[in-house]
C-alpha atoms as a PDB file:
ATOM      1  CA  UNK A   1      20.541 152.734  97.622  1.00  0.00           C
ATOM      2  CA  UNK A   2      18.614 154.826  95.108  1.00  0.00           C
ATOM      3  CA  UNK A   3      21.865 156.264  93.725  1.00  0.00           C
ATOM      4  CA  UNK A   4      23.630 152.881  93.436  1.00  0.00           C
ATOM      5  CA  UNK A   5      22.777 152.502  89.705  1.00  0.00           C
ATOM      6  CA  UNK A   6      24.133 156.003  89.023  1.00  0.00           C
ATOM      7  CA  UNK A   7      27.389 155.157  90.796  1.00  0.00           C
ATOM      8  CA  UNK A   8      27.713 151.842  88.958  1.00  0.00           C
ATOM      9  CA  UNK A   9      26.997 153.459  85.592  1.00  0.00           C
ATOM     10  CA  UNK A  10      29.442 156.275  86.341  1.00  0.00           C
ATOM     11  CA  UNK A  11      32.199 153.771  87.050  1.00  0.00           C
ATOM     12  CA  UNK A  12      31.378 151.813  83.871  1.00  0.00           C
ATOM     13  CA  UNK A  13      31.480 155.035  81.825  1.00  0.00           C
ATOM     14  CA  UNK A  14      34.790 155.973  83.449  1.00  0.00           C
ATOM     15  CA  UNK A  15      36.293 152.587  82.536  1.00  0.00           C
ATOM     16  CA  UNK A  16      35.183 152.791  78.881  1.00  0.00           C
ATOM     17  CA  UNK A  17      36.309 156.427  78.495  1.00  0.00           C
ATOM     18  CA  UNK A  18      39.649 155.712  80.154  1.00  0.00           C
ATOM     19  CA  UNK A  19      40.255 152.825  77.756  1.00  0.00           C
ATOM     20  CA  UNK A  20      39.437 155.005  74.724  1.00  0.00           C
ATOM     21  CA  UNK A  21      41.691 157.774  76.061  1.00  0.00           C
ATOM     22  CA  UNK A  22      44.566 155.286  76.388  1.00  0.00           C
ATOM     23  CA  UNK A  23      44.089 154.387  72.716  1.00  0.00           C
ATOM     24  CA  UNK A  24      43.964 158.038  71.657  1.00  0.00           C
ATOM     25  CA  UNK A  25      47.138 158.850  73.582  1.00  0.00           C
ATOM     26  CA  UNK A  26      49.027 155.844  72.230  1.00  0.00           C
ATOM     27  CA  UNK A  27      49.289 153.802  75.430  1.00  0.00           C
ATOM     28  CA  UNK A  28      47.266 151.014  73.778  1.00  0.00           C
ATOM     29  CA  UNK A  29      48.090 150.278  70.119  1.00  0.00           C
ATOM     30  CA  UNK A  30      44.554 149.450  68.932  1.00  0.00           C
ATOM     31  CA  UNK A  31      41.025 149.505  70.315  1.00  0.00           C
ATOM     32  CA  UNK A  32      38.687 146.546  70.525  1.00  0.00           C
ATOM     33  CA  UNK A  33      36.106 146.853  67.735  1.00  0.00           C
ATOM     34  CA  UNK A  34      33.779 143.891  67.091  1.00  0.00           C
ATOM     35  CA  UNK A  35      31.343 145.412  64.584  1.00  0.00           C
ATOM     36  CA  UNK A  36      32.630 148.369  62.564  1.00  0.00           C
ATOM     37  CA  UNK A  37      36.085 147.339  61.388  1.00  0.00           C
ATOM     38  CA  UNK A  38      38.280 150.434  61.292  1.00  0.00           C
ATOM     39  CA  UNK A  39      35.493 152.540  62.768  1.00  0.00           C
ATOM     40  CA  UNK A  40      36.909 153.037  66.262  1.00  0.00           C
ATOM     41  CA  UNK A  41      40.412 153.871  65.028  1.00  0.00           C
ATOM     42  CA  UNK A  42      39.099 156.379  62.490  1.00  0.00           C
ATOM     43  CA  UNK A  43      36.772 158.032  65.010  1.00  0.00           C
ATOM     44  CA  UNK A  44      39.375 158.301  67.779  1.00  0.00           C
ATOM     45  CA  UNK A  45      41.939 159.828  65.419  1.00  0.00           C
ATOM     46  CA  UNK A  46      39.528 161.924  63.338  1.00  0.00           C
ATOM     47  CA  UNK A  47      39.656 165.669  62.799  1.00  0.00           C
ATOM     48  CA  UNK A  48      36.687 165.993  65.160  1.00  0.00           C
ATOM     49  CA  UNK A  49      38.618 164.305  67.984  1.00  0.00           C
ATOM     50  CA  UNK A  50      41.773 166.318  67.288  1.00  0.00           C
ATOM     51  CA  UNK A  51      39.783 169.564  67.446  1.00  0.00           C
ATOM     52  CA  UNK A  52      40.099 169.402  71.246  1.00  0.00           C
ATOM     53  CA  UNK A  53      43.380 170.528  72.869  1.00  0.00           C
ATOM     54  CA  UNK A  54      43.270 167.369  75.017  1.00  0.00           C
ATOM     55  CA  UNK A  55      41.921 163.860  74.529  1.00  0.00           C
ATOM     56  CA  UNK A  56      38.135 164.077  74.293  1.00  0.00           C
ATOM     57  CA  UNK A  57      37.858 160.549  75.712  1.00  0.00           C
ATOM     58  CA  UNK A  58      40.090 161.706  78.582  1.00  0.00           C
ATOM     59  CA  UNK A  59      37.677 164.564  79.240  1.00  0.00           C
ATOM     60  CA  UNK A  60      34.889 162.012  79.322  1.00  0.00           C
ATOM     61  CA  UNK A  61      36.777 159.946  81.908  1.00  0.00           C
ATOM     62  CA  UNK A  62      37.373 163.116  83.962  1.00  0.00           C
ATOM     63  CA  UNK A  63      33.639 163.881  83.877  1.00  0.00           C
ATOM     64  CA  UNK A  64      32.682 160.332  84.841  1.00  0.00           C
ATOM     65  CA  UNK A  65      35.099 160.513  87.781  1.00  0.00           C
ATOM     66  CA  UNK A  66      33.227 163.488  89.225  1.00  0.00           C
ATOM     67  CA  UNK A  67      29.843 161.908  88.511  1.00  0.00           C
ATOM     68  CA  UNK A  68      30.813 158.715  90.339  1.00  0.00           C
ATOM     69  CA  UNK A  69      32.206 160.564  93.360  1.00  0.00           C
ATOM     70  CA  UNK A  70      29.254 162.940  93.567  1.00  0.00           C
ATOM     71  CA  UNK A  71      26.928 159.957  93.569  1.00  0.00           C
ATOM     72  CA  UNK A  72      28.293 159.070  97.022  1.00  0.00           C
ATOM     73  CA  UNK A  73      27.784 162.530  98.494  1.00  0.00           C
ATOM     74  CA  UNK A  74      24.816 163.373 100.714  1.00  0.00           C
ATOM     75  CA  UNK A  75      21.867 161.327 101.904  1.00  0.00           C
ATOM     76  CA  UNK A  76      18.525 160.402 100.349  1.00  0.00           C
ATOM     77  CA  UNK A  77      17.169 163.908 101.085  1.00  0.00           C
ATOM     78  CA  UNK A  78      20.056 165.856  99.552  1.00  0.00           C
ATOM     79  CA  UNK A  79      17.581 167.537  97.180  1.00  0.00           C
ATOM     80  CA  UNK A  80      16.622 169.444 100.361  1.00  0.00           C
ATOM     81  CA  UNK A  81      19.818 169.396 102.420  1.00  0.00           C
ATOM     82  CA  UNK A  82      22.311 169.960  99.547  1.00  0.00           C
ATOM     83  CA  UNK A  83      20.566 171.721  96.635  1.00  0.00           C
ATOM     84  CA  UNK A  84      23.935 172.960  95.320  1.00  0.00           C
ATOM     85  CA  UNK A  85      25.205 169.385  95.015  1.00  0.00           C
ATOM     86  CA  UNK A  86      22.098 168.224  93.169  1.00  0.00           C
ATOM     87  CA  UNK A  87      22.407 171.136  90.736  1.00  0.00           C
ATOM     88  CA  UNK A  88      26.089 170.504  89.973  1.00  0.00           C
ATOM     89  CA  UNK A  89      25.481 166.780  89.661  1.00  0.00           C
ATOM     90  CA  UNK A  90      22.513 167.445  87.394  1.00  0.00           C
ATOM     91  CA  UNK A  91      24.597 169.718  85.151  1.00  0.00           C
ATOM     92  CA  UNK A  92      27.245 167.019  84.796  1.00  0.00           C
ATOM     93  CA  UNK A  93      24.729 164.315  83.983  1.00  0.00           C
ATOM     94  CA  UNK A  94      21.992 166.058  81.982  1.00  0.00           C
ATOM     95  CA  UNK A  95      23.202 168.953  79.759  1.00  0.00           C
ATOM     96  CA  UNK A  96      26.815 167.787  79.521  1.00  0.00           C
ATOM     97  CA  UNK A  97      25.596 164.221  79.071  1.00  0.00           C
ATOM     98  CA  UNK A  98      23.380 165.320  76.187  1.00  0.00           C
ATOM     99  CA  UNK A  99      26.358 167.060  74.555  1.00  0.00           C
ATOM    100  CA  UNK A 100      28.319 163.819  74.872  1.00  0.00           C
ATOM    101  CA  UNK A 101      25.484 161.823  73.307  1.00  0.00           C
ATOM    102  CA  UNK A 102      25.049 164.279  70.421  1.00  0.00           C
ATOM    103  CA  UNK A 103      28.773 164.215  69.650  1.00  0.00           C
ATOM    104  CA  UNK A 104      28.742 160.416  69.534  1.00  0.00           C
ATOM    105  CA  UNK A 105      25.627 160.069  67.387  1.00  0.00           C
ATOM    106  CA  UNK A 106      26.989 162.624  64.907  1.00  0.00           C
ATOM    107  CA  UNK A 107      29.991 160.384  64.149  1.00  0.00           C
ATOM    108  CA  UNK A 108      28.562 158.718  61.005  1.00  0.00           C
ATOM    109  CA  UNK A 109      27.732 162.168  59.601  1.00  0.00           C
ATOM    110  CA  UNK A 110      30.944 164.018  60.513  1.00  0.00           C
ATOM    111  CA  UNK A 111      33.438 161.130  60.347  1.00  0.00           C
ATOM    112  CA  UNK A 112      31.614 158.500  58.307  1.00  0.00           C
ATOM    113  CA  UNK A 113      32.077 155.674  60.798  1.00  0.00           C
ATOM    114  CA  UNK A 114      30.573 154.239  63.969  1.00  0.00           C
ATOM    115  CA  UNK A 115      32.599 153.360  67.065  1.00  0.00           C
ATOM    116  CA  UNK A 116      31.293 150.515  69.248  1.00  0.00           C
ATOM    117  CA  UNK A 117      32.821 151.663  72.537  1.00  0.00           C
ATOM    118  CA  UNK A 118      31.821 155.273  71.843  1.00  0.00           C
ATOM    119  CA  UNK A 119      28.235 154.095  71.386  1.00  0.00           C
ATOM    120  CA  UNK A 120      28.545 152.124  74.633  1.00  0.00           C
ATOM    121  CA  UNK A 121      29.727 155.250  76.479  1.00  0.00           C
ATOM    122  CA  UNK A 122      26.803 157.222  75.046  1.00  0.00           C
ATOM    123  CA  UNK A 123      24.381 154.456  76.063  1.00  0.00           C
ATOM    124  CA  UNK A 124      25.748 154.510  79.626  1.00  0.00           C
ATOM    125  CA  UNK A 125      25.214 158.267  79.775  1.00  0.00           C
ATOM    126  CA  UNK A 126      21.707 157.874  78.347  1.00  0.00           C
ATOM    127  CA  UNK A 127      20.876 155.407  81.143  1.00  0.00           C
ATOM    128  CA  UNK A 128      22.123 157.876  83.765  1.00  0.00           C
ATOM    129  CA  UNK A 129      19.941 160.809  82.699  1.00  0.00           C
ATOM    130  CA  UNK A 130      16.477 159.389  83.592  1.00  0.00           C
ATOM    131  CA  UNK A 131      17.810 158.107  86.921  1.00  0.00           C
ATOM    132  CA  UNK A 132      18.889 161.650  87.840  1.00  0.00           C
ATOM    133  CA  UNK A 133      15.983 163.784  86.652  1.00  0.00           C
ATOM    134  CA  UNK A 134      13.542 163.218  89.514  1.00  0.00           C
ATOM    135  CA  UNK A 135      16.116 164.431  92.063  1.00  0.00           C
ATOM    136  CA  UNK A 136      16.656 167.611  90.040  1.00  0.00           C
ATOM    137  CA  UNK A 137      12.895 168.192  89.859  1.00  0.00           C
ATOM    138  CA  UNK A 138      12.584 167.681  93.629  1.00  0.00           C
ATOM    139  CA  UNK A 139      15.378 170.196  94.235  1.00  0.00           C
ATOM    140  CA  UNK A 140      13.788 172.808  91.947  1.00  0.00           C
ATOM    141  CA  UNK A 141      10.407 172.425  93.644  1.00  0.00           C
ATOM    142  CA  UNK A 142      11.989 172.696  97.089  1.00  0.00           C
ATOM    143  CA  UNK A 143      13.839 175.887  96.107  1.00  0.00           C
ATOM    144  CA  UNK A 144      10.592 177.411  94.842  1.00  0.00           C
ATOM    145  CA  UNK A 145       8.838 176.394  98.062  1.00  0.00           C
ATOM    146  CA  UNK A 146      11.591 177.970 100.204  1.00  0.00           C
ATOM    147  CA  UNK A 147      11.590 181.254  98.292  1.00  0.00           C
ATOM    148  CA  UNK A 148       7.806 181.515  98.487  1.00  0.00           C
ATOM    149  CA  UNK A 149       8.091 180.949 102.242  1.00  0.00           C
ATOM    150  CA  UNK A 150      10.319 184.050 102.424  1.00  0.00           C
ATOM    151  CA  UNK A 151      13.702 182.382 102.855  1.00  0.00           C
ATOM    152  CA  UNK A 152      16.835 183.582 101.119  1.00  0.00           C
ATOM    153  CA  UNK A 153      17.443 181.731  97.850  1.00  0.00           C
ATOM    154  CA  UNK A 154      21.219 181.656  98.259  1.00  0.00           C
ATOM    155  CA  UNK A 155      21.099 180.614 101.910  1.00  0.00           C
ATOM    156  CA  UNK A 156      18.906 177.640 101.084  1.00  0.00           C
ATOM    157  CA  UNK A 157      20.911 176.862  97.943  1.00  0.00           C
ATOM    158  CA  UNK A 158      24.222 176.639  99.823  1.00  0.00           C
ATOM    159  CA  UNK A 159      23.088 175.407 103.230  1.00  0.00           C
ATOM    160  CA  UNK A 160      19.883 173.492 102.540  1.00  0.00           C
ATOM    161  CA  UNK A 161      16.634 173.791 104.440  1.00  0.00           C
ATOM    162  CA  UNK A 162      13.606 172.068 105.938  1.00  0.00           C
ATOM    163  CA  UNK A 163       9.961 171.613 105.039  1.00  0.00           C
ATOM    164  CA  UNK A 164       7.043 172.206 107.368  1.00  0.00           C
ATOM    165  CA  UNK A 165       4.583 169.406 107.879  1.00  0.00           C
ATOM    166  CA  UNK A 166       7.010 166.713 106.815  1.00  0.00           C
ATOM    167  CA  UNK A 167       6.909 163.192 108.186  1.00  0.00           C
ATOM    168  CA  UNK A 168       9.403 160.397 108.642  1.00  0.00           C
ATOM    169  CA  UNK A 169      10.382 158.589 105.460  1.00  0.00           C
ATOM    170  CA  UNK A 170       9.166 155.041 106.045  1.00  0.00           C
ATOM    171  CA  UNK A 171       9.144 154.089 102.391  1.00  0.00           C
ATOM    172  CA  UNK A 172      12.831 154.119 101.481  1.00  0.00           C
ATOM    173  CA  UNK A 173      14.316 150.770 102.566  1.00  0.00           C
ATOM    174  CA  UNK A 174      17.631 150.364 104.359  1.00  0.00           C
ATOM    175  CA  UNK A 175      20.467 148.286 102.969  1.00  0.00           C
ATOM    176  CA  UNK A 176      20.069 145.584 105.621  1.00  0.00           C
ATOM    177  CA  UNK A 177      16.500 144.886 104.526  1.00  0.00           C
ATOM    178  CA  UNK A 178      15.495 142.248 101.994  1.00  0.00           C
ATOM    179  CA  UNK A 179      16.793 142.807  98.441  1.00  0.00           C
ATOM    180  CA  UNK A 180      13.202 142.400  97.279  1.00  0.00           C
ATOM    181  CA  UNK A 181      12.564 145.776  98.980  1.00  0.00           C
ATOM    182  CA  UNK A 182      15.623 147.821  98.096  1.00  0.00           C
ATOM    183  CA  UNK A 183      16.267 146.571  94.555  1.00  0.00           C
ATOM    184  CA  UNK A 184      13.034 148.107  93.166  1.00  0.00           C
ATOM    185  CA  UNK A 185      13.809 151.379  94.964  1.00  0.00           C
ATOM    186  CA  UNK A 186      16.871 151.850  92.764  1.00  0.00           C
ATOM    187  CA  UNK A 187      14.662 152.650  89.769  1.00  0.00           C
ATOM    188  CA  UNK A 188      11.766 154.507  91.378  1.00  0.00           C
ATOM    189  CA  UNK A 189      10.500 157.099  88.927  1.00  0.00           C
ATOM    190  CA  UNK A 190      11.657 155.160  85.853  1.00  0.00           C
ATOM    191  CA  UNK A 191       9.238 152.987  83.850  1.00  0.00           C
ATOM    192  CA  UNK A 192       9.599 151.178  80.530  1.00  0.00           C
ATOM    193  CA  UNK A 193       6.366 151.518  78.512  1.00  0.00           C
ATOM    194  CA  UNK A 194       6.283 149.161  75.536  1.00  0.00           C
ATOM    195  CA  UNK A 195       5.655 152.154  73.275  1.00  0.00           C
ATOM    196  CA  UNK A 196       8.991 153.709  74.240  1.00  0.00           C
ATOM    197  CA  UNK A 197      10.792 150.393  73.847  1.00  0.00           C
ATOM    198  CA  UNK A 198       9.401 149.961  70.328  1.00  0.00           C
ATOM    199  CA  UNK A 199      10.235 153.592  69.485  1.00  0.00           C
ATOM    200  CA  UNK A 200      13.825 152.960  70.581  1.00  0.00           C
ATOM    201  CA  UNK A 201      13.923 149.785  68.470  1.00  0.00           C
ATOM    202  CA  UNK A 202      12.738 151.758  65.435  1.00  0.00           C
ATOM    203  CA  UNK A 203      15.432 154.341  66.126  1.00  0.00           C
ATOM    204  CA  UNK A 204      18.078 151.597  66.131  1.00  0.00           C
ATOM    205  CA  UNK A 205      16.663 150.274  62.859  1.00  0.00           C
ATOM    206  CA  UNK A 206      16.881 153.732  61.264  1.00  0.00           C
ATOM    207  CA  UNK A 207      20.524 153.959  62.341  1.00  0.00           C
ATOM    208  CA  UNK A 208      21.225 150.675  60.526  1.00  0.00           C
ATOM    209  CA  UNK A 209      18.816 151.073  57.587  1.00  0.00           C
ATOM    210  CA  UNK A 210      21.160 152.956  55.191  1.00  0.00           C
ATOM    211  CA  UNK A 211      23.676 150.105  55.279  1.00  0.00           C
ATOM    212  CA  UNK A 212      21.004 147.385  55.159  1.00  0.00           C
ATOM    213  CA  UNK A 213      18.934 148.941  52.354  1.00  0.00           C
ATOM    214  CA  UNK A 214      21.875 150.470  50.490  1.00  0.00           C
ATOM    215  CA  UNK A 215      21.145 154.186  50.237  1.00  0.00           C
ATOM    216  CA  UNK A 216      23.555 157.073  50.767  1.00  0.00           C
ATOM    217  CA  UNK A 217      23.743 160.861  50.709  1.00  0.00           C
ATOM    218  CA  UNK A 218      21.604 163.182  52.752  1.00  0.00           C
ATOM    219  CA  UNK A 219      18.876 160.577  53.266  1.00  0.00           C
ATOM    220  CA  UNK A 220      21.347 158.194  54.893  1.00  0.00           C
ATOM    221  CA  UNK A 221      22.866 160.903  57.101  1.00  0.00           C
ATOM    222  CA  UNK A 222      19.387 161.965  58.202  1.00  0.00           C
ATOM    223  CA  UNK A 223      18.386 158.448  59.208  1.00  0.00           C
ATOM    224  CA  UNK A 224      21.676 157.896  61.056  1.00  0.00           C
ATOM    225  CA  UNK A 225      21.181 161.067  63.073  1.00  0.00           C
ATOM    226  CA  UNK A 226      17.395 161.083  63.547  1.00  0.00           C
ATOM    227  CA  UNK A 227      17.342 157.393  64.449  1.00  0.00           C
ATOM    228  CA  UNK A 228      19.844 158.035  67.230  1.00  0.00           C
ATOM    229  CA  UNK A 229      17.828 161.049  68.410  1.00  0.00           C
ATOM    230  CA  UNK A 230      14.674 158.913  68.577  1.00  0.00           C
ATOM    231  CA  UNK A 231      16.545 156.420  70.776  1.00  0.00           C
ATOM    232  CA  UNK A 232      17.791 159.295  72.945  1.00  0.00           C
ATOM    233  CA  UNK A 233      14.339 160.836  73.408  1.00  0.00           C
ATOM    234  CA  UNK A 234      12.788 157.437  74.187  1.00  0.00           C
ATOM    235  CA  UNK A 235      15.534 156.705  76.724  1.00  0.00           C
ATOM    236  CA  UNK A 236      15.120 160.020  78.546  1.00  0.00           C
ATOM    237  CA  UNK A 237      11.326 159.664  78.513  1.00  0.00           C
ATOM    238  CA  UNK A 238      11.569 156.512  80.622  1.00  0.00           C
ATOM    239  CA  UNK A 239      11.918 159.038  83.464  1.00  0.00           C
ATOM    240  CA  UNK A 240       8.356 159.774  84.513  1.00  0.00           C
ATOM    241  CA  UNK A 241       9.158 163.433  85.189  1.00  0.00           C
ATOM    242  CA  UNK A 242      10.258 163.776  81.533  1.00  0.00           C
ATOM    243  CA  UNK A 243       7.384 161.804  80.027  1.00  0.00           C
ATOM    244  CA  UNK A 244       5.983 164.858  78.210  1.00  0.00           C
ATOM    245  CA  UNK A 245       9.080 164.695  76.009  1.00  0.00           C
ATOM    246  CA  UNK A 246       7.567 161.775  74.096  1.00  0.00           C
ATOM    247  CA  UNK A 247       5.896 164.351  71.860  1.00  0.00           C
ATOM    248  CA  UNK A 248       9.342 165.261  70.512  1.00  0.00           C
ATOM    249  CA  UNK A 249       9.370 161.908  68.756  1.00  0.00           C
ATOM    250  CA  UNK A 250       6.189 162.952  66.930  1.00  0.00           C
ATOM    251  CA  UNK A 251       8.192 165.729  65.261  1.00  0.00           C
ATOM    252  CA  UNK A 252      11.093 163.390  64.567  1.00  0.00           C
ATOM    253  CA  UNK A 253       8.691 160.832  63.070  1.00  0.00           C
ATOM    254  CA  UNK A 254       7.267 163.474  60.741  1.00  0.00           C
ATOM    255  CA  UNK A 255      10.765 164.274  59.529  1.00  0.00           C
ATOM    256  CA  UNK A 256      11.620 160.581  59.055  1.00  0.00           C
ATOM    257  CA  UNK A 257       8.587 160.204  56.768  1.00  0.00           C
ATOM    258  CA  UNK A 258       9.346 163.374  54.792  1.00  0.00           C
ATOM    259  CA  UNK A 259      13.162 163.263  54.582  1.00  0.00           C
ATOM    260  CA  UNK A 260      13.528 160.658  51.769  1.00  0.00           C
ATOM    261  CA  UNK A 261      11.431 162.883  49.503  1.00  0.00           C
ATOM    262  CA  UNK A 262      13.490 166.044  50.018  1.00  0.00           C
ATOM    263  CA  UNK A 263      17.041 164.773  50.577  1.00  0.00           C
ATOM    264  CA  UNK A 264      19.487 163.305  48.078  1.00  0.00           C
ATOM    265  CA  UNK A 265      20.466 159.657  47.864  1.00  0.00           C
ATOM    266  CA  UNK A 266      17.070 158.129  48.693  1.00  0.00           C
ATOM    267  CA  UNK A 267      16.009 154.967  46.875  1.00  0.00           C
ATOM    268  CA  UNK A 268      12.435 153.624  46.577  1.00  0.00           C
ATOM    269  CA  UNK A 269      13.208 151.282  49.483  1.00  0.00           C
ATOM    270  CA  UNK A 270      14.397 154.262  51.554  1.00  0.00           C
ATOM    271  CA  UNK A 271      11.177 156.148  50.827  1.00  0.00           C
ATOM    272  CA  UNK A 272       8.953 153.255  51.844  1.00  0.00           C
ATOM    273  CA  UNK A 273      11.085 152.686  54.909  1.00  0.00           C
ATOM    274  CA  UNK A 274      10.797 156.353  55.856  1.00  0.00           C
ATOM    275  CA  UNK A 275       7.008 156.364  55.511  1.00  0.00           C
ATOM    276  CA  UNK A 276       6.451 153.163  57.504  1.00  0.00           C
ATOM    277  CA  UNK A 277       9.016 153.936  60.215  1.00  0.00           C
ATOM    278  CA  UNK A 278       7.968 157.579  60.511  1.00  0.00           C
ATOM    279  CA  UNK A 279       4.256 156.797  60.895  1.00  0.00           C
ATOM    280  CA  UNK A 280       5.057 154.032  63.406  1.00  0.00           C
ATOM    281  CA  UNK A 281       7.195 156.404  65.511  1.00  0.00           C
ATOM    282  CA  UNK A 282       4.397 158.996  65.491  1.00  0.00           C
ATOM    283  CA  UNK A 283       1.738 156.499  66.601  1.00  0.00           C
ATOM    284  CA  UNK A 284       3.986 155.036  69.294  1.00  0.00           C
ATOM    285  CA  UNK A 285       4.760 158.523  70.626  1.00  0.00           C
ATOM    286  CA  UNK A 286       1.154 159.523  71.298  1.00  0.00           C
ATOM    287  CA  UNK A 287       0.384 157.377  74.412  1.00  0.00           C
ATOM    288  CA  UNK A 288       1.923 158.640  77.647  1.00  0.00           C
ATOM    289  CA  UNK A 289       2.528 155.298  79.289  1.00  0.00           C
ATOM    290  CA  UNK A 290       2.202 154.477  83.013  1.00  0.00           C
ATOM    291  CA  UNK A 291       3.278 156.954  85.712  1.00  0.00           C
ATOM    292  CA  UNK A 292       3.514 155.253  89.106  1.00  0.00           C
ATOM    293  CA  UNK A 293       5.005 157.998  91.288  1.00  0.00           C
ATOM    294  CA  UNK A 294       3.729 161.432  92.324  1.00  0.00           C
ATOM    295  CA  UNK A 295       5.803 164.596  91.984  1.00  0.00           C
ATOM    296  CA  UNK A 296       3.788 167.339  93.671  1.00  0.00           C
ATOM    297  CA  UNK A 297       3.361 170.410  91.540  1.00  0.00           C
ATOM    298  CA  UNK A 298       5.347 168.796  88.718  1.00  0.00           C
ATOM    299  CA  UNK A 299       2.508 166.340  88.010  1.00  0.00           C
ATOM    300  CA  UNK A 300       0.790 168.884  85.753  1.00  0.00           C
ATOM    301  CA  UNK A 301       3.791 168.853  83.413  1.00  0.00           C
ATOM    302  CA  UNK A 302       3.672 165.083  82.898  1.00  0.00           C
ATOM    303  CA  UNK A 303       1.470 165.119  79.814  1.00  0.00           C
END
């Protein structure tokens, strides 16, 4: 049950990407776009999209297909019994997912337009990353434990292994139990501190601020991009194992405050907005927020 949200999100991402691919390939004449006018059409048929030899949305659907299917594979302890699967799944979700997110959030800078469904696909991927990270951390710690015990790295990696002194898992509920037990288990290891939620809200505001306040040039491009990065960092930091990443938003907040004074196109309103938003992001990024689970040796990295 703990991987049910990943499977559901993978299917949702597959559906959105498949729809966008059908538009790119001409099977659907126009894409649904409720907010940005011609934005989706211009993004899907931009030079950036045509730089790929195949439909980039089609590649996204292909990736989501594997992510959804791999979500079904193995049991709750596959971090120990199938380390190879956890690694491959983690590569699909985390580094490749981050590439997907970066490509989407760079659209207003490289193309000059936003795309609603592209943002939705990036948001789905952003939700998947924190749900996956604790399993990757468990797998890495188990591999280190096995190697220190004298076992062959590659044997354990391909075939899995066991841990001495283990006990029966009485915590993870079965599907036939009450939903009040297994629903919370779907998001173990993910918390939503109010500081991260407000940081994400400020990131969304920075993405919209150039159009609301009417400034252009480098200052606008910076806020489009950095605002989306703040949202991305806040989203990933909802994973307790990645909570130390909240300090990245301190650096991004410093740049938000400084950018209107060094980049072209900034107005007085943009400068005041940069100072207020940047300082707020910095202050919100200092508290760690609650950490409810324990992660063995990884606990020392949760700053």
